[in-house]
Amino acid sequence: MTEPNIYITLALTSLAGLAMIVAAGLAGWRGWLSLRRMELDHAHDTGMPVAVSTGARIEIADLKERIKKLEAIAAGVDL
């Protein structure tokens, strides 16, 4: 083989390998999304509460505290 043919063969082989890796990753991603959809549908159908992250719980608690303070201000209670 001549030198340019070696480089072309190597480049095409590398490109084919990269394409296989990308295809496998895409199939895995689609499978994971399908699994999450099934979990959410199952939780919705059974009435089970969906898991809430800790950060969201902290934010909700903070918002509840702010609402209490605003209600106290509106009622004229001095904090």
N, C-alpha and C. Protein backbone atom coordinates (compact mmCIF):
# COMPACT_ATOMS: atom_id res chain seq x y z
N MET A 1 0.83 -1.19 0.00
CA MET A 1 0.00 0.00 0.00
C MET A 1 0.87 1.25 0.00
N THR A 2 0.34 2.25 -0.63
CA THR A 2 1.06 3.51 -0.60
C THR A 2 0.66 4.27 0.65
N GLU A 3 1.43 5.26 0.96
CA GLU A 3 1.21 6.00 2.21
C GLU A 3 -0.14 6.70 2.27
N PRO A 4 -0.65 7.35 1.23
CA PRO A 4 -1.98 7.98 1.33
C PRO A 4 -3.09 6.96 1.57
N ASN A 5 -2.95 5.75 1.00
CA ASN A 5 -3.97 4.74 1.22
C ASN A 5 -4.03 4.29 2.68
N ILE A 6 -2.91 4.25 3.34
CA ILE A 6 -2.88 3.87 4.76
C ILE A 6 -3.64 4.91 5.59
N TYR A 7 -3.40 6.18 5.30
CA TYR A 7 -4.07 7.24 6.06
C TYR A 7 -5.57 7.25 5.80
N ILE A 8 -5.96 7.01 4.56
CA ILE A 8 -7.40 6.99 4.24
C ILE A 8 -8.06 5.79 4.93
N THR A 9 -7.42 4.63 4.90
CA THR A 9 -7.96 3.44 5.55
C THR A 9 -8.08 3.66 7.06
N LEU A 10 -7.06 4.22 7.65
CA LEU A 10 -7.08 4.50 9.09
C LEU A 10 -8.17 5.50 9.45
N ALA A 11 -8.33 6.54 8.64
CA ALA A 11 -9.36 7.54 8.90
C ALA A 11 -10.76 6.95 8.77
N LEU A 12 -10.99 6.14 7.74
CA LEU A 12 -12.30 5.53 7.55
C LEU A 12 -12.63 4.53 8.66
N THR A 13 -11.62 3.78 9.10
CA THR A 13 -11.82 2.83 10.19
C THR A 13 -12.14 3.58 11.49
N SER A 14 -11.44 4.64 11.74
CA SER A 14 -11.71 5.45 12.94
C SER A 14 -13.10 6.06 12.88
N LEU A 15 -13.50 6.55 11.74
CA LEU A 15 -14.82 7.13 11.57
C LEU A 15 -15.92 6.08 11.78
N ALA A 16 -15.71 4.88 11.27
CA ALA A 16 -16.68 3.80 11.46
C ALA A 16 -16.78 3.42 12.93
N GLY A 17 -15.65 3.35 13.61
CA GLY A 17 -15.67 3.04 15.05
C GLY A 17 -16.39 4.11 15.85
N LEU A 18 -16.14 5.36 15.52
CA LEU A 18 -16.82 6.47 16.20
C LEU A 18 -18.32 6.42 15.95
N ALA A 19 -18.70 6.10 14.73
CA ALA A 19 -20.12 5.99 14.40
C ALA A 19 -20.79 4.88 15.21
N MET A 20 -20.10 3.76 15.42
CA MET A 20 -20.66 2.66 16.22
C MET A 20 -20.81 3.07 17.67
N ILE A 21 -19.83 3.79 18.21
CA ILE A 21 -19.90 4.25 19.60
C ILE A 21 -21.05 5.23 19.77
N VAL A 22 -21.21 6.15 18.84
CA VAL A 22 -22.30 7.13 18.91
C VAL A 22 -23.65 6.44 18.80
N ALA A 23 -23.77 5.46 17.92
CA ALA A 23 -25.04 4.73 17.76
C ALA A 23 -25.38 3.97 19.04
N ALA A 24 -24.39 3.35 19.67
CA ALA A 24 -24.64 2.63 20.92
C ALA A 24 -25.03 3.59 22.04
N GLY A 25 -24.38 4.74 22.10
CA GLY A 25 -24.74 5.74 23.11
C GLY A 25 -26.14 6.28 22.90
N LEU A 26 -26.52 6.51 21.67
CA LEU A 26 -27.87 6.99 21.37
C LEU A 26 -28.92 5.95 21.73
N ALA A 27 -28.64 4.69 21.46
CA ALA A 27 -29.58 3.62 21.82
C ALA A 27 -29.73 3.54 23.34
N GLY A 28 -28.63 3.67 24.06
CA GLY A 28 -28.69 3.66 25.52
C GLY A 28 -29.47 4.84 26.07
N TRP A 29 -29.27 6.01 25.50
CA TRP A 29 -29.99 7.22 25.92
C TRP A 29 -31.49 7.05 25.70
N ARG A 30 -31.87 6.54 24.54
CA ARG A 30 -33.29 6.33 24.26
C ARG A 30 -33.89 5.31 25.21
N GLY A 31 -33.14 4.27 25.53
CA GLY A 31 -33.61 3.27 26.49
C GLY A 31 -33.80 3.86 27.86
N TRP A 32 -32.87 4.71 28.30
CA TRP A 32 -32.99 5.35 29.61
C TRP A 32 -34.20 6.27 29.64
N LEU A 33 -34.43 7.04 28.58
CA LEU A 33 -35.60 7.91 28.52
C LEU A 33 -36.89 7.10 28.55
N SER A 34 -36.91 5.99 27.86
CA SER A 34 -38.08 5.12 27.86
C SER A 34 -38.34 4.58 29.27
N LEU A 35 -37.29 4.19 29.97
CA LEU A 35 -37.43 3.70 31.34
C LEU A 35 -38.00 4.78 32.24
N ARG A 36 -37.50 6.00 32.13
CA ARG A 36 -38.00 7.10 32.97
C ARG A 36 -39.46 7.40 32.66
N ARG A 37 -39.84 7.35 31.38
CA ARG A 37 -41.26 7.56 31.02
C ARG A 37 -42.14 6.50 31.65
N MET A 38 -41.69 5.25 31.60
CA MET A 38 -42.48 4.16 32.20
C MET A 38 -42.59 4.34 33.71
N GLU A 39 -41.51 4.76 34.38
CA GLU A 39 -41.57 4.99 35.82
C GLU A 39 -42.54 6.11 36.15
N LEU A 40 -42.50 7.19 35.39
CA LEU A 40 -43.41 8.30 35.66
C LEU A 40 -44.86 7.92 35.38
N ASP A 41 -45.10 7.18 34.32
CA ASP A 41 -46.45 6.72 34.02
C ASP A 41 -46.96 5.79 35.11
N HIS A 42 -46.10 4.90 35.58
CA HIS A 42 -46.50 3.97 36.63
C HIS A 42 -46.80 4.71 37.93
N ALA A 43 -45.96 5.69 38.29
CA ALA A 43 -46.20 6.47 39.50
C ALA A 43 -47.49 7.27 39.37
N HIS A 44 -47.77 7.77 38.18
CA HIS A 44 -49.00 8.55 37.96
C HIS A 44 -50.22 7.66 38.03
N ASP A 45 -50.14 6.45 37.48
CA ASP A 45 -51.28 5.53 37.46
C ASP A 45 -51.60 4.98 38.85
N THR A 46 -50.58 4.72 39.65
CA THR A 46 -50.81 4.14 40.97
C THR A 46 -51.07 5.20 42.03
N GLY A 47 -50.89 6.45 41.71
CA GLY A 47 -51.11 7.52 42.67
C GLY A 47 -49.97 7.72 43.63
N MET A 48 -48.84 7.04 43.39
CA MET A 48 -47.68 7.21 44.25
C MET A 48 -47.07 8.58 44.02
N PRO A 49 -46.61 9.21 45.08
CA PRO A 49 -45.97 10.51 44.88
C PRO A 49 -44.63 10.35 44.17
N VAL A 50 -44.34 11.29 43.31
CA VAL A 50 -43.07 11.29 42.58
C VAL A 50 -42.00 11.85 43.51
N ALA A 51 -40.83 11.24 43.50
CA ALA A 51 -39.74 11.66 44.38
C ALA A 51 -39.34 13.11 44.09
N VAL A 52 -39.18 13.87 45.17
CA VAL A 52 -38.80 15.28 45.05
C VAL A 52 -37.39 15.40 45.59
N SER A 53 -36.57 16.15 44.91
CA SER A 53 -35.19 16.30 45.34
C SER A 53 -35.10 17.13 46.62
N THR A 54 -33.99 16.99 47.30
CA THR A 54 -33.79 17.71 48.56
C THR A 54 -33.78 19.21 48.33
N GLY A 55 -33.16 19.64 47.25
CA GLY A 55 -33.12 21.08 46.95
C GLY A 55 -34.51 21.65 46.75
N ALA A 56 -35.37 20.89 46.09
CA ALA A 56 -36.74 21.36 45.87
C ALA A 56 -37.50 21.45 47.19
N ARG A 57 -37.26 20.50 48.09
CA ARG A 57 -37.93 20.54 49.40
C ARG A 57 -37.49 21.75 50.21
N ILE A 58 -36.21 22.06 50.16
CA ILE A 58 -35.71 23.22 50.88
C ILE A 58 -36.32 24.49 50.31
N GLU A 59 -36.40 24.57 49.00
CA GLU A 59 -36.99 25.74 48.36
C GLU A 59 -38.46 25.88 48.72
N ILE A 60 -39.20 24.78 48.76
CA ILE A 60 -40.61 24.83 49.12
C ILE A 60 -40.76 25.28 50.57
N ALA A 61 -39.92 24.78 51.48
CA ALA A 61 -39.98 25.20 52.88
C ALA A 61 -39.68 26.69 53.00
N ASP A 62 -38.72 27.17 52.23
CA ASP A 62 -38.39 28.59 52.26
C ASP A 62 -39.57 29.43 51.76
N LEU A 63 -40.22 28.99 50.71
CA LEU A 63 -41.38 29.72 50.19
C LEU A 63 -42.52 29.73 51.20
N LYS A 64 -42.74 28.61 51.89
CA LYS A 64 -43.80 28.57 52.91
C LYS A 64 -43.51 29.55 54.03
N GLU A 65 -42.24 29.63 54.43
CA GLU A 65 -41.86 30.58 55.48
C GLU A 65 -42.09 32.02 55.03
N ARG A 66 -41.77 32.33 53.80
CA ARG A 66 -42.00 33.68 53.28
C ARG A 66 -43.48 34.01 53.24
N ILE A 67 -44.31 33.01 52.88
CA ILE A 67 -45.75 33.24 52.84
C ILE A 67 -46.27 33.54 54.24
N LYS A 68 -45.78 32.80 55.24
CA LYS A 68 -46.20 33.05 56.62
C LYS A 68 -45.85 34.47 57.04
N LYS A 69 -44.65 34.91 56.70
CA LYS A 69 -44.23 36.26 57.06
C LYS A 69 -45.08 37.31 56.36
N LEU A 70 -45.40 37.09 55.08
CA LEU A 70 -46.23 38.05 54.35
C LEU A 70 -47.65 38.07 54.91
N GLU A 71 -48.19 36.92 55.31
CA GLU A 71 -49.51 36.89 55.92
C GLU A 71 -49.53 37.61 57.24
N ALA A 72 -48.43 37.47 58.02
CA ALA A 72 -48.34 38.17 59.29
C ALA A 72 -48.27 39.67 59.07
N ILE A 73 -47.55 40.10 58.08
CA ILE A 73 -47.46 41.53 57.76
C ILE A 73 -48.81 42.04 57.33
N ALA A 74 -49.53 41.27 56.52
CA ALA A 74 -50.85 41.70 56.03
C ALA A 74 -51.87 41.76 57.17
N ALA A 75 -51.71 40.88 58.16
CA ALA A 75 -52.64 40.88 59.30
C ALA A 75 -52.28 41.95 60.31
N GLY A 76 -51.13 42.58 60.15
CA GLY A 76 -50.73 43.65 61.05
C GLY A 76 -49.97 43.14 62.27
N VAL A 77 -49.54 41.91 62.26
CA VAL A 77 -48.79 41.36 63.37
C VAL A 77 -47.33 41.78 63.23
N ASP A 78 -46.78 42.29 64.33
CA ASP A 78 -45.38 42.75 64.30
C ASP A 78 -44.49 41.56 64.59
N LEU A 79 -43.55 41.28 63.70
CA LEU A 79 -42.67 40.13 63.90
C LEU A 79 -41.52 40.47 64.79
